[in-house]
Amino acid sequence: MTVEAHTQIWINDHLDLINYAIQIGDQEWQAELVAALKEMNVPSYPSEEVVKEQLWRQYDEVLRQMLVIYEQLRNSAFKGDLNIEEQLWSLKLRRVNLAKQIKQA
């Protein structure tokens, strides 16, 4: 989701809250919400590039971990170790999920 989309959602949510504050007669809350809109105290969200970079770093780390496990399997008697196989399977699933997130970002 883009920064602009997050900003628009934030503004729409505050407008909805202002309407609700009016309905329940909470003038103090209404004034706080209006002030926040005037000041545009919009929470900052990381840019799409930053998010994508973070996802790529996580993806690279998963690949490094997988390589370590494969190296252990190749050089030792860990073959058939269910714990190692579970770790590897978990990393494979994480890699697939990260790839999907990268594609969507």
PDB file of N, CA and C in Angstrom:
ATOM      1  N   MET A   1       0.848  -1.165   0.000  1.00  0.00           N
ATOM      2  CA  MET A   1       0.000   0.000   0.000  1.00  0.00           C
ATOM      3  C   MET A   1       0.899   1.235   0.000  1.00  0.00           C
ATOM      4  N   THR A   2       0.548   2.196  -0.782  1.00  0.00           N
ATOM      5  CA  THR A   2       1.367   3.394  -0.917  1.00  0.00           C
ATOM      6  C   THR A   2       1.180   4.320   0.277  1.00  0.00           C
ATOM      7  N   VAL A   3       2.114   5.232   0.432  1.00  0.00           N
ATOM      8  CA  VAL A   3       2.038   6.226   1.502  1.00  0.00           C
ATOM      9  C   VAL A   3       0.788   7.080   1.319  1.00  0.00           C
ATOM     10  N   GLU A   4       0.487   7.420   0.075  1.00  0.00           N
ATOM     11  CA  GLU A   4      -0.706   8.229  -0.206  1.00  0.00           C
ATOM     12  C   GLU A   4      -1.978   7.488   0.206  1.00  0.00           C
ATOM     13  N   ALA A   5      -2.015   6.205  -0.042  1.00  0.00           N
ATOM     14  CA  ALA A   5      -3.195   5.411   0.333  1.00  0.00           C
ATOM     15  C   ALA A   5      -3.342   5.367   1.850  1.00  0.00           C
ATOM     16  N   HIS A   6      -2.217   5.180   2.566  1.00  0.00           N
ATOM     17  CA  HIS A   6      -2.266   5.190   4.030  1.00  0.00           C
ATOM     18  C   HIS A   6      -2.758   6.545   4.533  1.00  0.00           C
ATOM     19  N   THR A   7      -2.277   7.609   3.924  1.00  0.00           N
ATOM     20  CA  THR A   7      -2.677   8.958   4.327  1.00  0.00           C
ATOM     21  C   THR A   7      -4.175   9.161   4.115  1.00  0.00           C
ATOM     22  N   GLN A   8      -4.668   8.730   2.971  1.00  0.00           N
ATOM     23  CA  GLN A   8      -6.094   8.878   2.677  1.00  0.00           C
ATOM     24  C   GLN A   8      -6.949   8.080   3.659  1.00  0.00           C
ATOM     25  N   ILE A   9      -6.495   6.892   3.988  1.00  0.00           N
ATOM     26  CA  ILE A   9      -7.230   6.071   4.964  1.00  0.00           C
ATOM     27  C   ILE A   9      -7.238   6.767   6.318  1.00  0.00           C
ATOM     28  N   TRP A  10      -6.090   7.318   6.723  1.00  0.00           N
ATOM     29  CA  TRP A  10      -5.996   8.020   7.999  1.00  0.00           C
ATOM     30  C   TRP A  10      -6.958   9.201   8.038  1.00  0.00           C
ATOM     31  N   ILE A  11      -6.989   9.981   6.975  1.00  0.00           N
ATOM     32  CA  ILE A  11      -7.889  11.133   6.911  1.00  0.00           C
ATOM     33  C   ILE A  11      -9.348  10.685   6.966  1.00  0.00           C
ATOM     34  N   ASN A  12      -9.692   9.674   6.174  1.00  0.00           N
ATOM     35  CA  ASN A  12     -11.076   9.174   6.177  1.00  0.00           C
ATOM     36  C   ASN A  12     -11.474   8.647   7.544  1.00  0.00           C
ATOM     37  N   ASP A  13     -10.574   7.936   8.210  1.00  0.00           N
ATOM     38  CA  ASP A  13     -10.871   7.431   9.556  1.00  0.00           C
ATOM     39  C   ASP A  13     -11.129   8.586  10.520  1.00  0.00           C
ATOM     40  N   HIS A  14     -10.330   9.636  10.422  1.00  0.00           N
ATOM     41  CA  HIS A  14     -10.530  10.774  11.317  1.00  0.00           C
ATOM     42  C   HIS A  14     -11.835  11.511  11.016  1.00  0.00           C
ATOM     43  N   LEU A  15     -12.188  11.610   9.760  1.00  0.00           N
ATOM     44  CA  LEU A  15     -13.475  12.233   9.426  1.00  0.00           C
ATOM     45  C   LEU A  15     -14.632  11.404   9.977  1.00  0.00           C
ATOM     46  N   ASP A  16     -14.527  10.090   9.882  1.00  0.00           N
ATOM     47  CA  ASP A  16     -15.555   9.213  10.453  1.00  0.00           C
ATOM     48  C   ASP A  16     -15.635   9.389  11.969  1.00  0.00           C
ATOM     49  N   LEU A  17     -14.461   9.503  12.615  1.00  0.00           N
ATOM     50  CA  LEU A  17     -14.439   9.686  14.062  1.00  0.00           C
ATOM     51  C   LEU A  17     -15.034  11.030  14.454  1.00  0.00           C
ATOM     52  N   ILE A  18     -14.784  12.055  13.657  1.00  0.00           N
ATOM     53  CA  ILE A  18     -15.389  13.364  13.931  1.00  0.00           C
ATOM     54  C   ILE A  18     -16.908  13.264  13.851  1.00  0.00           C
ATOM     55  N   ASN A  19     -17.406  12.606  12.828  1.00  0.00           N
ATOM     56  CA  ASN A  19     -18.857  12.418  12.714  1.00  0.00           C
ATOM     57  C   ASN A  19     -19.411  11.670  13.918  1.00  0.00           C
ATOM     58  N   TYR A  20     -18.694  10.657  14.367  1.00  0.00           N
ATOM     59  CA  TYR A  20     -19.144   9.894  15.529  1.00  0.00           C
ATOM     60  C   TYR A  20     -19.104  10.764  16.785  1.00  0.00           C
ATOM     61  N   ALA A  21     -18.049  11.561  16.942  1.00  0.00           N
ATOM     62  CA  ALA A  21     -17.945  12.452  18.105  1.00  0.00           C
ATOM     63  C   ALA A  21     -19.103  13.442  18.130  1.00  0.00           C
ATOM     64  N   ILE A  22     -19.502  13.919  16.949  1.00  0.00           N
ATOM     65  CA  ILE A  22     -20.649  14.827  16.856  1.00  0.00           C
ATOM     66  C   ILE A  22     -21.920  14.103  17.288  1.00  0.00           C
ATOM     67  N   GLN A  23     -22.092  12.868  16.812  1.00  0.00           N
ATOM     68  CA  GLN A  23     -23.299  12.091  17.146  1.00  0.00           C
ATOM     69  C   GLN A  23     -23.425  11.834  18.638  1.00  0.00           C
ATOM     70  N   ILE A  24     -22.313  11.564  19.296  1.00  0.00           N
ATOM     71  CA  ILE A  24     -22.397  11.260  20.732  1.00  0.00           C
ATOM     72  C   ILE A  24     -22.242  12.514  21.590  1.00  0.00           C
ATOM     73  N   GLY A  25     -21.997  13.642  20.946  1.00  0.00           N
ATOM     74  CA  GLY A  25     -21.932  14.910  21.663  1.00  0.00           C
ATOM     75  C   GLY A  25     -20.631  15.150  22.415  1.00  0.00           C
ATOM     76  N   ASP A  26     -19.565  14.492  22.033  1.00  0.00           N
ATOM     77  CA  ASP A  26     -18.276  14.670  22.696  1.00  0.00           C
ATOM     78  C   ASP A  26     -17.492  15.779  21.986  1.00  0.00           C
ATOM     79  N   GLN A  27     -17.691  17.008  22.452  1.00  0.00           N
ATOM     80  CA  GLN A  27     -17.094  18.168  21.799  1.00  0.00           C
ATOM     81  C   GLN A  27     -15.575  18.223  21.996  1.00  0.00           C
ATOM     82  N   GLU A  28     -15.106  17.759  23.137  1.00  0.00           N
ATOM     83  CA  GLU A  28     -13.662  17.777  23.396  1.00  0.00           C
ATOM     84  C   GLU A  28     -12.939  16.831  22.423  1.00  0.00           C
ATOM     85  N   TRP A  29     -13.469  15.635  22.260  1.00  0.00           N
ATOM     86  CA  TRP A  29     -12.867  14.663  21.335  1.00  0.00           C
ATOM     87  C   TRP A  29     -12.939  15.197  19.903  1.00  0.00           C
ATOM     88  N   GLN A  30     -14.083  15.795  19.580  1.00  0.00           N
ATOM     89  CA  GLN A  30     -14.259  16.369  18.244  1.00  0.00           C
ATOM     90  C   GLN A  30     -13.193  17.430  17.981  1.00  0.00           C
ATOM     91  N   ALA A  31     -12.942  18.282  18.963  1.00  0.00           N
ATOM     92  CA  ALA A  31     -11.937  19.341  18.809  1.00  0.00           C
ATOM     93  C   ALA A  31     -10.540  18.749  18.637  1.00  0.00           C
ATOM     94  N   GLU A  32     -10.240  17.681  19.382  1.00  0.00           N
ATOM     95  CA  GLU A  32      -8.938  17.021  19.245  1.00  0.00           C
ATOM     96  C   GLU A  32      -8.762  16.445  17.840  1.00  0.00           C
ATOM     97  N   LEU A  33      -9.811  15.822  17.331  1.00  0.00           N
ATOM     98  CA  LEU A  33      -9.738  15.226  15.996  1.00  0.00           C
ATOM     99  C   LEU A  33      -9.584  16.291  14.917  1.00  0.00           C
ATOM    100  N   VAL A  34     -10.324  17.379  15.070  1.00  0.00           N
ATOM    101  CA  VAL A  34     -10.221  18.479  14.096  1.00  0.00           C
ATOM    102  C   VAL A  34      -8.814  19.066  14.138  1.00  0.00           C
ATOM    103  N   ALA A  35      -8.266  19.241  15.340  1.00  0.00           N
ATOM    104  CA  ALA A  35      -6.910  19.783  15.468  1.00  0.00           C
ATOM    105  C   ALA A  35      -5.889  18.852  14.810  1.00  0.00           C
ATOM    106  N   ALA A  36      -6.077  17.559  15.002  1.00  0.00           N
ATOM    107  CA  ALA A  36      -5.160  16.594  14.385  1.00  0.00           C
ATOM    108  C   ALA A  36      -5.232  16.676  12.863  1.00  0.00           C
ATOM    109  N   LEU A  37      -6.431  16.837  12.335  1.00  0.00           N
ATOM    110  CA  LEU A  37      -6.571  16.976  10.882  1.00  0.00           C
ATOM    111  C   LEU A  37      -5.937  18.271  10.384  1.00  0.00           C
ATOM    112  N   LYS A  38      -6.121  19.348  11.138  1.00  0.00           N
ATOM    113  CA  LYS A  38      -5.539  20.628  10.730  1.00  0.00           C
ATOM    114  C   LYS A  38      -4.015  20.550  10.729  1.00  0.00           C
ATOM    115  N   GLU A  39      -3.472  19.868  11.697  1.00  0.00           N
ATOM    116  CA  GLU A  39      -2.020  19.732  11.791  1.00  0.00           C
ATOM    117  C   GLU A  39      -1.499  18.601  10.904  1.00  0.00           C
ATOM    118  N   MET A  40      -2.410  17.814  10.395  1.00  0.00           N
ATOM    119  CA  MET A  40      -2.070  16.651   9.566  1.00  0.00           C
ATOM    120  C   MET A  40      -1.037  15.767  10.258  1.00  0.00           C
ATOM    121  N   ASN A  41      -1.350  15.406  11.477  1.00  0.00           N
ATOM    122  CA  ASN A  41      -0.487  14.499  12.221  1.00  0.00           C
ATOM    123  C   ASN A  41      -0.701  13.080  11.714  1.00  0.00           C
ATOM    124  N   VAL A  42      -0.339  12.889  10.477  1.00  0.00           N
ATOM    125  CA  VAL A  42      -0.503  11.581   9.849  1.00  0.00           C
ATOM    126  C   VAL A  42       0.686  10.722  10.245  1.00  0.00           C
ATOM    127  N   PRO A  43       0.421   9.520  10.739  1.00  0.00           N
ATOM    128  CA  PRO A  43       1.544   8.651  11.062  1.00  0.00           C
ATOM    129  C   PRO A  43       2.365   8.376   9.806  1.00  0.00           C
ATOM    130  N   SER A  44       3.657   8.295   9.974  1.00  0.00           N
ATOM    131  CA  SER A  44       4.499   8.046   8.811  1.00  0.00           C
ATOM    132  C   SER A  44       4.613   6.545   8.566  1.00  0.00           C
ATOM    133  N   TYR A  45       4.596   6.183   7.336  1.00  0.00           N
ATOM    134  CA  TYR A  45       4.742   4.799   6.920  1.00  0.00           C
ATOM    135  C   TYR A  45       5.980   4.710   6.042  1.00  0.00           C
ATOM    136  N   PRO A  46       6.663   3.589   6.113  1.00  0.00           N
ATOM    137  CA  PRO A  46       7.852   3.465   5.266  1.00  0.00           C
ATOM    138  C   PRO A  46       7.468   3.491   3.791  1.00  0.00           C
ATOM    139  N   SER A  47       8.353   4.036   2.991  1.00  0.00           N
ATOM    140  CA  SER A  47       8.085   4.093   1.556  1.00  0.00           C
ATOM    141  C   SER A  47       8.101   2.685   0.987  1.00  0.00           C
ATOM    142  N   GLU A  48       7.537   2.550  -0.201  1.00  0.00           N
ATOM    143  CA  GLU A  48       7.484   1.242  -0.856  1.00  0.00           C
ATOM    144  C   GLU A  48       8.886   0.699  -1.092  1.00  0.00           C
ATOM    145  N   GLU A  49       9.819   1.589  -1.426  1.00  0.00           N
ATOM    146  CA  GLU A  49      11.190   1.153  -1.681  1.00  0.00           C
ATOM    147  C   GLU A  49      11.820   0.585  -0.421  1.00  0.00           C
ATOM    148  N   VAL A  50      11.573   1.245   0.714  1.00  0.00           N
ATOM    149  CA  VAL A  50      12.130   0.782   1.984  1.00  0.00           C
ATOM    150  C   VAL A  50      11.543  -0.575   2.349  1.00  0.00           C
ATOM    151  N   VAL A  51      10.249  -0.722   2.180  1.00  0.00           N
ATOM    152  CA  VAL A  51       9.594  -1.990   2.479  1.00  0.00           C
ATOM    153  C   VAL A  51      10.159  -3.101   1.596  1.00  0.00           C
ATOM    154  N   LYS A  52      10.285  -2.819   0.319  1.00  0.00           N
ATOM    155  CA  LYS A  52      10.804  -3.828  -0.616  1.00  0.00           C
ATOM    156  C   LYS A  52      12.247  -4.206  -0.262  1.00  0.00           C
ATOM    157  N   GLU A  53      13.038  -3.203   0.115  1.00  0.00           N
ATOM    158  CA  GLU A  53      14.427  -3.476   0.508  1.00  0.00           C
ATOM    159  C   GLU A  53      14.474  -4.363   1.752  1.00  0.00           C
ATOM    160  N   GLN A  54      13.611  -4.083   2.726  1.00  0.00           N
ATOM    161  CA  GLN A  54      13.561  -4.903   3.936  1.00  0.00           C
ATOM    162  C   GLN A  54      13.150  -6.338   3.607  1.00  0.00           C
ATOM    163  N   LEU A  55      12.187  -6.474   2.718  1.00  0.00           N
ATOM    164  CA  LEU A  55      11.757  -7.816   2.321  1.00  0.00           C
ATOM    165  C   LEU A  55      12.889  -8.570   1.637  1.00  0.00           C
ATOM    166  N   TRP A  56      13.631  -7.885   0.767  1.00  0.00           N
ATOM    167  CA  TRP A  56      14.755  -8.524   0.089  1.00  0.00           C
ATOM    168  C   TRP A  56      15.830  -8.946   1.091  1.00  0.00           C
ATOM    169  N   ARG A  57      16.083  -8.130   2.094  1.00  0.00           N
ATOM    170  CA  ARG A  57      17.063  -8.499   3.121  1.00  0.00           C
ATOM    171  C   ARG A  57      16.619  -9.740   3.877  1.00  0.00           C
ATOM    172  N   GLN A  58      15.341  -9.787   4.223  1.00  0.00           N
ATOM    173  CA  GLN A  58      14.811 -10.968   4.903  1.00  0.00           C
ATOM    174  C   GLN A  58      14.925 -12.199   4.013  1.00  0.00           C
ATOM    175  N   TYR A  59      14.628 -12.033   2.731  1.00  0.00           N
ATOM    176  CA  TYR A  59      14.710 -13.127   1.761  1.00  0.00           C
ATOM    177  C   TYR A  59      16.151 -13.641   1.683  1.00  0.00           C
ATOM    178  N   ASP A  60      17.108 -12.713   1.594  1.00  0.00           N
ATOM    179  CA  ASP A  60      18.520 -13.099   1.541  1.00  0.00           C
ATOM    180  C   ASP A  60      18.942 -13.844   2.802  1.00  0.00           C
ATOM    181  N   GLU A  61      18.457 -13.389   3.953  1.00  0.00           N
ATOM    182  CA  GLU A  61      18.795 -14.050   5.212  1.00  0.00           C
ATOM    183  C   GLU A  61      18.231 -15.471   5.244  1.00  0.00           C
ATOM    184  N   VAL A  62      17.023 -15.645   4.770  1.00  0.00           N
ATOM    185  CA  VAL A  62      16.431 -16.988   4.708  1.00  0.00           C
ATOM    186  C   VAL A  62      17.275 -17.880   3.804  1.00  0.00           C
ATOM    187  N   LEU A  63      17.695 -17.354   2.666  1.00  0.00           N
ATOM    188  CA  LEU A  63      18.537 -18.143   1.759  1.00  0.00           C
ATOM    189  C   LEU A  63      19.853 -18.527   2.426  1.00  0.00           C
ATOM    190  N   ARG A  64      20.466 -17.603   3.160  1.00  0.00           N
ATOM    191  CA  ARG A  64      21.718 -17.910   3.861  1.00  0.00           C
ATOM    192  C   ARG A  64      21.501 -19.030   4.884  1.00  0.00           C
ATOM    193  N   GLN A  65      20.400 -18.933   5.619  1.00  0.00           N
ATOM    194  CA  GLN A  65      20.097 -19.963   6.617  1.00  0.00           C
ATOM    195  C   GLN A  65      19.878 -21.318   5.952  1.00  0.00           C
ATOM    196  N   MET A  66      19.207 -21.320   4.816  1.00  0.00           N
ATOM    197  CA  MET A  66      18.981 -22.572   4.090  1.00  0.00           C
ATOM    198  C   MET A  66      20.302 -23.164   3.620  1.00  0.00           C
ATOM    199  N   LEU A  67      21.196 -22.315   3.128  1.00  0.00           N
ATOM    200  CA  LEU A  67      22.501 -22.799   2.679  1.00  0.00           C
ATOM    201  C   LEU A  67      23.301 -23.418   3.828  1.00  0.00           C
ATOM    202  N   VAL A  68      23.225 -22.816   4.999  1.00  0.00           N
ATOM    203  CA  VAL A  68      23.908 -23.362   6.166  1.00  0.00           C
ATOM    204  C   VAL A  68      23.363 -24.751   6.490  1.00  0.00           C
ATOM    205  N   ILE A  69      22.060 -24.900   6.458  1.00  0.00           N
ATOM    206  CA  ILE A  69      21.447 -26.193   6.762  1.00  0.00           C
ATOM    207  C   ILE A  69      21.816 -27.229   5.704  1.00  0.00           C
ATOM    208  N   TYR A  70      21.765 -26.845   4.436  1.00  0.00           N
ATOM    209  CA  TYR A  70      22.157 -27.783   3.383  1.00  0.00           C
ATOM    210  C   TYR A  70      23.619 -28.205   3.541  1.00  0.00           C
ATOM    211  N   GLU A  71      24.466 -27.274   3.916  1.00  0.00           N
ATOM    212  CA  GLU A  71      25.879 -27.594   4.141  1.00  0.00           C
ATOM    213  C   GLU A  71      26.015 -28.578   5.301  1.00  0.00           C
ATOM    214  N   GLN A  72      25.257 -28.362   6.360  1.00  0.00           N
ATOM    215  CA  GLN A  72      25.281 -29.280   7.497  1.00  0.00           C
ATOM    216  C   GLN A  72      24.819 -30.671   7.076  1.00  0.00           C
ATOM    217  N   LEU A  73      23.771 -30.711   6.281  1.00  0.00           N
ATOM    218  CA  LEU A  73      23.261 -32.010   5.828  1.00  0.00           C
ATOM    219  C   LEU A  73      24.276 -32.738   4.949  1.00  0.00           C
ATOM    220  N   ARG A  74      24.962 -31.986   4.127  1.00  0.00           N
ATOM    221  CA  ARG A  74      25.908 -32.601   3.209  1.00  0.00           C
ATOM    222  C   ARG A  74      27.163 -33.094   3.939  1.00  0.00           C
ATOM    223  N   ASN A  75      27.578 -32.384   4.975  1.00  0.00           N
ATOM    224  CA  ASN A  75      28.849 -32.684   5.630  1.00  0.00           C
ATOM    225  C   ASN A  75      28.724 -33.442   6.940  1.00  0.00           C
ATOM    226  N   SER A  76      27.550 -33.868   7.314  1.00  0.00           N
ATOM    227  CA  SER A  76      27.431 -34.492   8.627  1.00  0.00           C
ATOM    228  C   SER A  76      26.412 -35.615   8.621  1.00  0.00           C
ATOM    229  N   ALA A  77      26.197 -36.083   9.828  1.00  0.00           N
ATOM    230  CA  ALA A  77      25.257 -37.185  10.023  1.00  0.00           C
ATOM    231  C   ALA A  77      23.875 -36.670  10.397  1.00  0.00           C
ATOM    232  N   PHE A  78      23.553 -35.438  10.010  1.00  0.00           N
ATOM    233  CA  PHE A  78      22.241 -34.877  10.326  1.00  0.00           C
ATOM    234  C   PHE A  78      21.152 -35.405   9.402  1.00  0.00           C
ATOM    235  N   LYS A  79      21.534 -36.198   8.437  1.00  0.00           N
ATOM    236  CA  LYS A  79      20.537 -36.719   7.503  1.00  0.00           C
ATOM    237  C   LYS A  79      19.500 -37.518   8.275  1.00  0.00           C
ATOM    238  N   GLY A  80      18.265 -37.226   8.026  1.00  0.00           N
ATOM    239  CA  GLY A  80      17.170 -37.899   8.715  1.00  0.00           C
ATOM    240  C   GLY A  80      16.784 -37.243  10.023  1.00  0.00           C
ATOM    241  N   ASP A  81      17.501 -36.210  10.433  1.00  0.00           N
ATOM    242  CA  ASP A  81      17.174 -35.474  11.646  1.00  0.00           C
ATOM    243  C   ASP A  81      15.907 -34.660  11.392  1.00  0.00           C
ATOM    244  N   LEU A  82      14.843 -35.016  12.097  1.00  0.00           N
ATOM    245  CA  LEU A  82      13.549 -34.352  11.871  1.00  0.00           C
ATOM    246  C   LEU A  82      13.593 -32.871  12.211  1.00  0.00           C
ATOM    247  N   ASN A  83      14.366 -32.500  13.217  1.00  0.00           N
ATOM    248  CA  ASN A  83      14.462 -31.089  13.596  1.00  0.00           C
ATOM    249  C   ASN A  83      15.052 -30.262  12.455  1.00  0.00           C
ATOM    250  N   ILE A  84      16.101 -30.786  11.837  1.00  0.00           N
ATOM    251  CA  ILE A  84      16.725 -30.083  10.711  1.00  0.00           C
ATOM    252  C   ILE A  84      15.750 -29.998   9.545  1.00  0.00           C
ATOM    253  N   GLU A  85      15.049 -31.083   9.279  1.00  0.00           N
ATOM    254  CA  GLU A  85      14.085 -31.086   8.179  1.00  0.00           C
ATOM    255  C   GLU A  85      12.955 -30.101   8.440  1.00  0.00           C
ATOM    256  N   GLU A  86      12.502 -30.003   9.685  1.00  0.00           N
ATOM    257  CA  GLU A  86      11.452 -29.038  10.037  1.00  0.00           C
ATOM    258  C   GLU A  86      11.947 -27.608   9.862  1.00  0.00           C
ATOM    259  N   GLN A  87      13.192 -27.367  10.278  1.00  0.00           N
ATOM    260  CA  GLN A  87      13.767 -26.024  10.104  1.00  0.00           C
ATOM    261  C   GLN A  87      13.841 -25.666   8.621  1.00  0.00           C
ATOM    262  N   LEU A  88      14.285 -26.616   7.822  1.00  0.00           N
ATOM    263  CA  LEU A  88      14.401 -26.387   6.393  1.00  0.00           C
ATOM    264  C   LEU A  88      13.032 -26.131   5.770  1.00  0.00           C
ATOM    265  N   TRP A  89      12.054 -26.914   6.150  1.00  0.00           N
ATOM    266  CA  TRP A  89      10.695 -26.725   5.622  1.00  0.00           C
ATOM    267  C   TRP A  89      10.138 -25.355   6.022  1.00  0.00           C
ATOM    268  N   SER A  90      10.379 -24.972   7.268  1.00  0.00           N
ATOM    269  CA  SER A  90       9.920 -23.666   7.748  1.00  0.00           C
ATOM    270  C   SER A  90      10.572 -22.537   6.943  1.00  0.00           C
ATOM    271  N   LEU A  91      11.870 -22.679   6.671  1.00  0.00           N
ATOM    272  CA  LEU A  91      12.568 -21.667   5.878  1.00  0.00           C
ATOM    273  C   LEU A  91      12.047 -21.620   4.447  1.00  0.00           C
ATOM    274  N   LYS A  92      11.732 -22.774   3.888  1.00  0.00           N
ATOM    275  CA  LYS A  92      11.190 -22.801   2.522  1.00  0.00           C
ATOM    276  C   LYS A  92       9.853 -22.069   2.461  1.00  0.00           C
ATOM    277  N   LEU A  93       8.999 -22.307   3.451  1.00  0.00           N
ATOM    278  CA  LEU A  93       7.707 -21.619   3.499  1.00  0.00           C
ATOM    279  C   LEU A  93       7.895 -20.112   3.675  1.00  0.00           C
ATOM    280  N   ARG A  94       8.835 -19.749   4.526  1.00  0.00           N
ATOM    281  CA  ARG A  94       9.123 -18.323   4.734  1.00  0.00           C
ATOM    282  C   ARG A  94       9.612 -17.680   3.440  1.00  0.00           C
ATOM    283  N   ARG A  95      10.461 -18.406   2.715  1.00  0.00           N
ATOM    284  CA  ARG A  95      10.986 -17.897   1.445  1.00  0.00           C
ATOM    285  C   ARG A  95       9.852 -17.666   0.445  1.00  0.00           C
ATOM    286  N   VAL A  96       8.913 -18.599   0.367  1.00  0.00           N
ATOM    287  CA  VAL A  96       7.783 -18.466  -0.557  1.00  0.00           C
ATOM    288  C   VAL A  96       6.921 -17.262  -0.159  1.00  0.00           C
ATOM    289  N   ASN A  97       6.655 -17.116   1.129  1.00  0.00           N
ATOM    290  CA  ASN A  97       5.846 -15.979   1.594  1.00  0.00           C
ATOM    291  C   ASN A  97       6.538 -14.656   1.322  1.00  0.00           C
ATOM    292  N   LEU A  98       7.835 -14.599   1.541  1.00  0.00           N
ATOM    293  CA  LEU A  98       8.574 -13.369   1.242  1.00  0.00           C
ATOM    294  C   LEU A  98       8.551 -13.053  -0.252  1.00  0.00           C
ATOM    295  N   ALA A  99       8.687 -14.084  -1.071  1.00  0.00           N
ATOM    296  CA  ALA A  99       8.642 -13.864  -2.528  1.00  0.00           C
ATOM    297  C   ALA A  99       7.299 -13.283  -2.941  1.00  0.00           C
ATOM    298  N   LYS A 100       6.223 -13.765  -2.339  1.00  0.00           N
ATOM    299  CA  LYS A 100       4.886 -13.221  -2.638  1.00  0.00           C
ATOM    300  C   LYS A 100       4.791 -11.756  -2.209  1.00  0.00           C
ATOM    301  N   GLN A 101       5.313 -11.454  -1.025  1.00  0.00           N
ATOM    302  CA  GLN A 101       5.261 -10.082  -0.526  1.00  0.00           C
ATOM    303  C   GLN A 101       6.093  -9.147  -1.402  1.00  0.00           C
ATOM    304  N   ILE A 102       7.236  -9.628  -1.845  1.00  0.00           N
ATOM    305  CA  ILE A 102       8.100  -8.811  -2.719  1.00  0.00           C
ATOM    306  C   ILE A 102       7.387  -8.535  -4.022  1.00  0.00           C
ATOM    307  N   LYS A 103       6.733  -9.547  -4.548  1.00  0.00           N
ATOM    308  CA  LYS A 103       6.008  -9.384  -5.816  1.00  0.00           C
ATOM    309  C   LYS A 103       4.871  -8.374  -5.667  1.00  0.00           C
ATOM    310  N   GLN A 104       4.212  -8.363  -4.518  1.00  0.00           N
ATOM    311  CA  GLN A 104       3.093  -7.443  -4.290  1.00  0.00           C
ATOM    312  C   GLN A 104       3.553  -6.031  -3.957  1.00  0.00           C
ATOM    313  N   ALA A 105       4.773  -5.900  -3.447  1.00  0.00           N
ATOM    314  CA  ALA A 105       5.272  -4.565  -3.031  1.00  0.00           C
ATOM    315  C   ALA A 105       5.647  -3.723  -4.232  1.00  0.00           C
TER     316      ALA A 105
END
